[in-house]
Every structure is written in C-alpha cells, then in structure tokens.
N, C-alpha and C. Protein backbone atom coordinates (compact mmCIF):
# COMPACT_ATOMS: atom_id res chain seq x y z
N MET A 1 -5.58 2.44 -23.24
CA MET A 1 -4.48 2.48 -22.60
C MET A 1 -4.37 1.33 -21.40
N PRO A 2 -3.22 0.81 -21.73
CA PRO A 2 -2.92 -0.48 -21.06
C PRO A 2 -3.05 -0.28 -19.73
N VAL A 3 -3.20 -1.27 -18.83
CA VAL A 3 -3.73 -1.20 -17.39
C VAL A 3 -2.23 -0.94 -16.45
N SER A 4 -1.27 -0.89 -17.00
CA SER A 4 -0.29 -0.29 -16.24
C SER A 4 0.40 1.10 -16.84
N ASN A 5 -0.21 2.01 -17.70
CA ASN A 5 -0.18 2.86 -18.12
C ASN A 5 -0.93 3.51 -17.21
N GLN A 6 -2.59 3.18 -17.26
CA GLN A 6 -3.46 3.59 -16.04
C GLN A 6 -2.68 3.49 -15.04
N CYS A 7 -2.27 2.91 -14.56
CA CYS A 7 -1.84 2.92 -12.95
C CYS A 7 -1.14 3.78 -13.23
N GLU A 8 0.13 3.37 -13.64
CA GLU A 8 1.26 4.67 -13.41
C GLU A 8 0.60 6.25 -13.65
N HIS A 9 -0.47 6.35 -14.23
CA HIS A 9 -0.62 7.54 -14.61
C HIS A 9 -1.58 7.95 -13.16
N ARG A 10 -2.05 7.01 -12.44
CA ARG A 10 -3.45 7.44 -11.27
C ARG A 10 -2.05 7.53 -10.06
N PHE A 11 -0.93 7.36 -10.00
CA PHE A 11 -0.08 7.05 -9.14
C PHE A 11 0.86 7.92 -9.32
N ALA A 12 1.15 8.49 -10.29
CA ALA A 12 2.43 9.44 -10.57
C ALA A 12 2.36 10.96 -9.88
N ARG A 13 1.47 11.27 -9.33
CA ARG A 13 1.22 12.14 -8.63
C ARG A 13 2.27 12.72 -7.83
N ARG A 14 2.49 13.89 -7.82
CA ARG A 14 3.74 14.34 -7.56
C ARG A 14 3.10 14.38 -5.49
N ASN A 15 3.42 13.79 -4.49
CA ASN A 15 3.53 14.12 -3.36
C ASN A 15 4.40 14.58 -2.06
N GLU A 16 3.92 15.42 -1.69
CA GLU A 16 4.64 16.17 -0.73
C GLU A 16 5.48 15.90 0.09
N HIS A 17 4.97 14.63 0.77
CA HIS A 17 5.84 13.74 1.53
C HIS A 17 7.27 13.04 1.65
N THR A 18 7.50 13.24 0.28
CA THR A 18 8.68 12.93 0.01
C THR A 18 9.81 13.66 -0.82
N GLU A 19 11.11 14.05 -0.79
CA GLU A 19 11.84 14.42 -0.96
C GLU A 19 11.81 14.39 -2.81
N GLY A 20 11.47 15.24 -3.54
CA GLY A 20 11.94 15.59 -5.22
C GLY A 20 10.51 14.84 -5.59
N GLY A 21 9.67 14.69 -4.71
CA GLY A 21 8.27 14.57 -5.54
C GLY A 21 8.02 12.73 -5.77
N LYS A 22 8.56 12.16 -5.66
CA LYS A 22 8.95 10.31 -6.23
C LYS A 22 8.38 9.83 -4.81
N MET A 23 7.22 8.97 -4.81
CA MET A 23 6.57 8.28 -3.75
C MET A 23 7.67 7.31 -3.29
N THR A 24 7.50 6.96 -1.80
CA THR A 24 7.55 5.56 -1.64
C THR A 24 7.20 4.38 -1.57
N HIS A 25 7.50 3.12 -1.81
CA HIS A 25 6.82 2.00 -2.12
C HIS A 25 5.90 2.22 -1.37
N ALA A 26 5.95 2.46 -0.01
CA ALA A 26 5.17 2.85 1.68
C ALA A 26 3.81 3.40 1.10
N GLU A 27 4.41 4.57 0.59
CA GLU A 27 3.30 5.44 0.07
C GLU A 27 2.74 5.11 -1.07
N GLU A 28 2.91 4.59 -2.17
CA GLU A 28 2.43 3.91 -3.30
C GLU A 28 1.26 3.01 -3.05
N ILE A 29 2.16 2.17 -1.51
CA ILE A 29 0.87 0.68 -1.31
C ILE A 29 -0.48 1.58 -0.40
N MET A 30 0.09 2.94 0.40
CA MET A 30 -0.89 3.42 0.61
C MET A 30 -2.15 3.93 0.13
N ARG A 31 -1.36 4.84 -0.82
CA ARG A 31 -2.46 5.38 -2.00
C ARG A 31 -3.52 4.17 -2.63
N ALA A 32 -2.99 3.22 -2.89
CA ALA A 32 -3.51 1.98 -3.54
C ALA A 32 -4.79 1.68 -2.33
N VAL A 33 -4.42 1.45 -1.14
CA VAL A 33 -5.32 1.06 -0.19
C VAL A 33 -6.50 1.86 0.29
N ALA A 34 -5.83 3.12 -0.42
CA ALA A 34 -6.86 4.29 -0.11
C ALA A 34 -7.91 4.09 -1.32
N ALA A 35 -7.51 3.96 -2.46
CA ALA A 35 -8.44 3.78 -3.53
C ALA A 35 -9.22 2.50 -3.54
N LEU A 36 -8.42 1.70 -3.01
CA LEU A 36 -9.55 0.10 -2.94
C LEU A 36 -10.60 1.23 -1.91
N ILE A 37 -10.41 1.20 -0.61
CA ILE A 37 -11.44 1.61 0.47
C ILE A 37 -12.26 2.65 -0.17
N ARG A 38 -12.07 3.30 -0.38
CA ARG A 38 -12.33 4.64 -0.69
C ARG A 38 -13.61 4.56 -1.82
N ARG A 39 -12.68 4.41 -2.96
CA ARG A 39 -13.29 4.42 -4.65
C ARG A 39 -14.29 3.57 -4.81
N GLU A 40 -14.05 1.86 -4.17
CA GLU A 40 -14.57 0.29 -4.12
C GLU A 40 -15.25 0.16 -2.98
N ASN A 41 -15.38 0.96 -2.18
CA ASN A 41 -16.07 0.58 -0.73
C ASN A 41 -15.73 -1.06 0.41
N LYS A 42 -13.87 -1.00 -0.42
CA LYS A 42 -13.44 -2.66 0.55
C LYS A 42 -13.18 -2.00 2.07
N ARG A 43 -13.36 -3.13 2.65
CA ARG A 43 -13.08 -2.66 4.24
C ARG A 43 -11.71 -3.84 4.39
N ILE A 44 -12.15 -4.92 3.52
CA ILE A 44 -10.64 -5.70 3.70
C ILE A 44 -9.94 -6.10 2.46
N PHE A 45 -9.08 -6.15 2.17
CA PHE A 45 -8.31 -6.28 0.85
C PHE A 45 -7.22 -7.37 0.73
N SER A 46 -6.67 -7.38 -0.42
CA SER A 46 -5.64 -8.33 -0.82
C SER A 46 -4.55 -7.44 -1.14
N ARG A 47 -3.00 -8.51 -1.04
CA ARG A 47 -1.76 -7.67 -1.47
C ARG A 47 -2.06 -7.89 -3.24
N LYS A 48 -2.94 -8.95 -3.67
CA LYS A 48 -2.82 -8.97 -4.89
C LYS A 48 -3.79 -7.54 -5.79
N GLU A 49 -4.78 -7.17 -4.95
CA GLU A 49 -5.41 -6.24 -5.12
C GLU A 49 -4.64 -4.75 -5.08
N VAL A 50 -4.06 -4.83 -4.05
CA VAL A 50 -3.30 -3.15 -3.43
C VAL A 50 -1.94 -3.68 -5.15
N ARG A 51 -1.34 -4.97 -5.16
CA ARG A 51 -0.63 -4.69 -6.64
C ARG A 51 -1.11 -4.28 -7.48
N ASP A 52 -2.36 -4.78 -8.11
CA ASP A 52 -2.88 -4.58 -9.12
C ASP A 52 -3.41 -3.60 -9.23
N LYS A 53 -3.74 -2.63 -8.19
CA LYS A 53 -3.88 -1.30 -8.04
C LYS A 53 -2.72 0.07 -8.48
N ILE A 54 -1.90 -0.64 -7.80
CA ILE A 54 -0.67 0.01 -7.83
C ILE A 54 -0.28 -0.04 -9.59
N GLY A 55 -0.50 -1.16 -10.00
CA GLY A 55 -0.10 -1.41 -11.62
C GLY A 55 1.17 -2.50 -11.68
N LEU A 56 1.69 -3.33 -10.93
CA LEU A 56 2.95 -3.86 -10.78
C LEU A 56 3.14 -5.21 -11.34
N THR A 57 3.56 -6.01 -11.70
CA THR A 57 3.67 -7.00 -12.27
C THR A 57 4.08 -8.11 -10.93
N PRO A 58 3.67 -9.57 -11.02
CA PRO A 58 4.04 -10.43 -9.64
C PRO A 58 5.43 -9.92 -9.14
N ARG A 59 6.37 -9.85 -10.04
CA ARG A 59 7.77 -10.30 -9.88
C ARG A 59 8.47 -9.25 -9.53
N ARG A 60 7.74 -8.14 -9.90
CA ARG A 60 8.33 -6.56 -9.37
C ARG A 60 7.24 -6.60 -7.82
N TRP A 61 6.28 -6.91 -8.12
CA TRP A 61 5.79 -6.44 -6.56
C TRP A 61 6.67 -7.52 -5.38
N LEU A 62 6.84 -8.78 -5.63
CA LEU A 62 7.67 -10.29 -5.12
C LEU A 62 9.14 -9.40 -4.75
N ASN A 63 9.74 -8.92 -5.62
CA ASN A 63 11.32 -8.35 -5.29
C ASN A 63 11.32 -7.06 -4.71
N SER A 64 10.37 -6.26 -4.62
CA SER A 64 10.22 -4.93 -4.65
C SER A 64 9.45 -4.36 -3.31
N TYR A 65 8.21 -4.65 -3.16
CA TYR A 65 6.72 -4.16 -2.56
C TYR A 65 6.67 -5.45 -1.21
N THR A 66 6.61 -6.16 -1.44
CA THR A 66 5.87 -7.32 -0.48
C THR A 66 6.57 -7.09 0.64
N SER A 67 8.04 -7.12 0.83
CA SER A 67 8.66 -6.79 2.08
C SER A 67 8.13 -5.58 2.89
N ILE A 68 8.05 -4.41 1.90
CA ILE A 68 7.47 -3.27 2.43
C ILE A 68 6.02 -3.39 3.11
N PHE A 69 5.39 -4.01 2.64
CA PHE A 69 3.79 -4.35 2.86
C PHE A 69 4.03 -5.21 3.95
N GLN A 70 4.44 -6.08 3.98
CA GLN A 70 4.92 -7.05 5.67
C GLN A 70 5.16 -6.24 6.40
N GLY A 71 6.33 -5.46 6.36
CA GLY A 71 6.86 -4.32 7.60
C GLY A 71 6.05 -3.61 8.16
N MET A 72 4.75 -2.79 6.92
CA MET A 72 3.66 -2.17 7.52
C MET A 72 2.39 -2.86 8.22
N ARG A 73 2.46 -4.02 8.18
CA ARG A 73 1.55 -4.42 9.33
C ARG A 73 1.72 -4.49 10.87
N SER A 74 0.84 -4.60 11.42
CA SER A 74 0.89 -4.76 13.02
C SER A 74 1.19 -5.91 13.36
N ASP A 75 1.08 -7.04 12.92
CA ASP A 75 1.06 -8.28 13.16
C ASP A 75 2.17 -9.51 12.27
N HIS A 76 3.00 -8.29 11.51
CA HIS A 76 3.97 -9.19 11.06
C HIS A 76 5.15 -10.14 11.90
N PRO A 77 5.50 -11.01 10.95
CA PRO A 77 6.68 -12.01 11.83
C PRO A 77 7.67 -10.78 11.94
N GLY A 78 8.73 -11.48 13.12
CA GLY A 78 9.89 -10.81 13.22
C GLY A 78 10.63 -10.27 12.02
N GLY A 79 11.20 -11.05 10.63
CA GLY A 79 11.70 -10.79 9.35
C GLY A 79 11.43 -9.78 8.60
N ALA A 80 10.66 -9.25 8.89
CA ALA A 80 9.83 -7.84 8.15
C ALA A 80 10.82 -6.93 8.68
N PRO A 81 10.88 -6.02 7.10
CA PRO A 81 11.58 -4.77 7.07
C PRO A 81 11.68 -3.90 8.13
N ARG A 82 12.09 -2.89 8.60
CA ARG A 82 11.82 -1.60 8.75
C ARG A 82 11.30 -0.63 7.98
N VAL A 83 10.19 -0.24 8.23
CA VAL A 83 9.04 0.85 7.49
C VAL A 83 9.33 2.32 8.30
N ARG A 84 9.29 3.56 7.81
CA ARG A 84 9.52 4.59 8.85
C ARG A 84 7.93 4.72 9.33
N ASP A 85 8.17 4.77 10.65
CA ASP A 85 7.39 4.95 11.97
C ASP A 85 5.72 5.33 11.58
N ARG A 86 5.77 6.13 10.43
CA ARG A 86 4.53 6.65 9.73
C ARG A 86 3.65 6.12 9.25
N PHE A 87 4.51 4.92 8.77
CA PHE A 87 3.75 3.47 7.74
C PHE A 87 3.86 2.50 8.83
N LYS A 88 4.25 2.05 9.91
CA LYS A 88 4.13 1.02 11.05
C LYS A 88 2.99 0.79 11.52
N ASP A 89 2.50 -0.65 11.41
CA ASP A 89 1.21 -1.06 12.30
C ASP A 89 0.29 -0.03 11.18
N VAL A 90 0.21 -0.20 10.07
CA VAL A 90 -0.98 0.41 9.58
C VAL A 90 -2.15 -0.56 9.03
N PHE A 91 -2.05 -2.15 8.67
CA PHE A 91 -2.83 -3.13 8.54
C PHE A 91 -2.64 -4.13 9.29
N ARG A 92 -3.29 -4.81 9.20
CA ARG A 92 -3.14 -6.74 9.97
C ARG A 92 -4.09 -7.43 9.75
N GLN A 93 -3.58 -8.84 9.43
CA GLN A 93 -4.04 -9.93 8.60
C GLN A 93 -5.51 -10.16 9.38
N VAL A 94 -6.65 -10.19 8.62
CA VAL A 94 -7.38 -10.81 9.50
C VAL A 94 -8.05 -12.30 8.68
N LYS A 95 -7.81 -12.73 7.88
CA LYS A 95 -7.23 -14.19 7.39
C LYS A 95 -6.35 -14.36 6.47
N ARG A 96 -5.76 -15.27 6.45
CA ARG A 96 -4.81 -15.55 5.24
C ARG A 96 -4.95 -15.16 3.86
N GLY A 97 -4.18 -14.06 3.67
CA GLY A 97 -4.31 -13.63 2.14
C GLY A 97 -5.34 -12.34 2.30
N LYS A 98 -5.69 -12.04 3.49
CA LYS A 98 -6.61 -10.73 3.70
C LYS A 98 -6.14 -9.97 4.93
N HIS A 99 -6.47 -8.45 4.51
CA HIS A 99 -5.97 -7.37 5.50
C HIS A 99 -6.85 -6.52 5.60
N MET A 100 -6.70 -5.68 6.79
CA MET A 100 -7.40 -4.47 6.83
C MET A 100 -6.62 -3.64 7.70
N LEU A 101 -7.34 -2.18 8.04
CA LEU A 101 -6.44 -1.25 8.25
C LEU A 101 -6.59 -1.00 9.91
N THR A 102 -5.53 -1.10 10.33
CA THR A 102 -5.88 -0.54 11.95
C THR A 102 -6.28 0.86 12.20
N ARG A 103 -6.68 1.07 13.23
CA ARG A 103 -6.95 2.52 13.69
C ARG A 103 -6.39 3.17 13.65
N ARG A 104 -4.75 2.76 13.55
CA ARG A 104 -3.49 3.70 12.90
C ARG A 104 -3.79 4.26 11.36
N GLY A 105 -3.97 3.22 10.85
CA GLY A 105 -4.08 2.94 9.42
C GLY A 105 -5.49 3.76 8.81
N ASN A 106 -6.22 4.02 9.73
CA ASN A 106 -7.47 4.33 9.13
C ASN A 106 -6.77 6.39 9.54
N GLN A 107 -6.28 6.39 10.58
CA GLN A 107 -6.13 7.85 10.42
C GLN A 107 -4.80 8.26 9.37
N LEU A 108 -4.03 7.58 9.23
CA LEU A 108 -2.91 7.79 8.04
C LEU A 108 -3.72 7.71 6.42
N LEU A 109 -4.92 7.14 6.13
CA LEU A 109 -5.39 7.21 5.11
C LEU A 109 -6.34 8.05 4.58
N THR A 110 -6.29 9.46 5.92
CA THR A 110 -6.72 10.56 5.28
C THR A 110 -5.52 11.69 4.76
N GLU A 111 -4.80 11.00 4.87
CA GLU A 111 -3.59 11.54 4.01
C GLU A 111 -3.68 11.41 3.03
N PHE A 112 -4.31 10.34 2.38
CA PHE A 112 -3.98 9.55 0.85
C PHE A 112 -5.30 10.10 -0.32
N GLU A 113 -6.06 10.32 0.20
CA GLU A 113 -7.25 10.56 -0.16
C GLU A 113 -7.20 11.83 -1.37
C-alpha cells in the first residue's frame, strides 16, 4: 500500500469532536503528534515528521497545515492564524525546526490515543 494510502487509512477514523466525523487540520496534527510520541517514543519532533505521519505532500502541508501548526504553538510569532482554544499553546519550539509538547499539549494528548 502506498505511504499516502497508509496514512489516510490510519487517520481516517471518525472523530467525535468534529461535526460530521471529519477531523480538522488541528486534530490531524495532534493525532500525528500522538503517534510520534506514543508509538515512536519521540519527545521532540519536527514539522516534517508530523507532515509525513499525516501523509501530506510538502505543497499540501505548506498551503493548508503549516499555518495551523504555527497557531498551535505557544511561542508563535504574531501573524499565526487563530485556532480553537482547545488547540492553542500545545507545542513550543525547542530549537529551529524542533518542537515539543507543552504541559497543555500533554493534557490534550490523552484525547488522541
């Protein structure tokens, strides 16, 4: 099975938190981070690892997801889009290109296991 189909299958589960069962981009990002942390024992992760876990092309990530990821950071620069309160301040950058969950992010993670 191609990588993109594997990822689509992995993340295609219905999510009770979203109307109609379709996940938001923020939920997809959190589900990917949960997989990286829980299944691959990563404490620090990159955007590319999250993108790969979701199964997105670099172009699709850049056009639709990167700004959401930015808005989920606790240390984002002022131009990031607003995300739902539930997904605010869940990551912080530990060095260029590397992120980790905040305390709030760790609490939210339990919903995505």
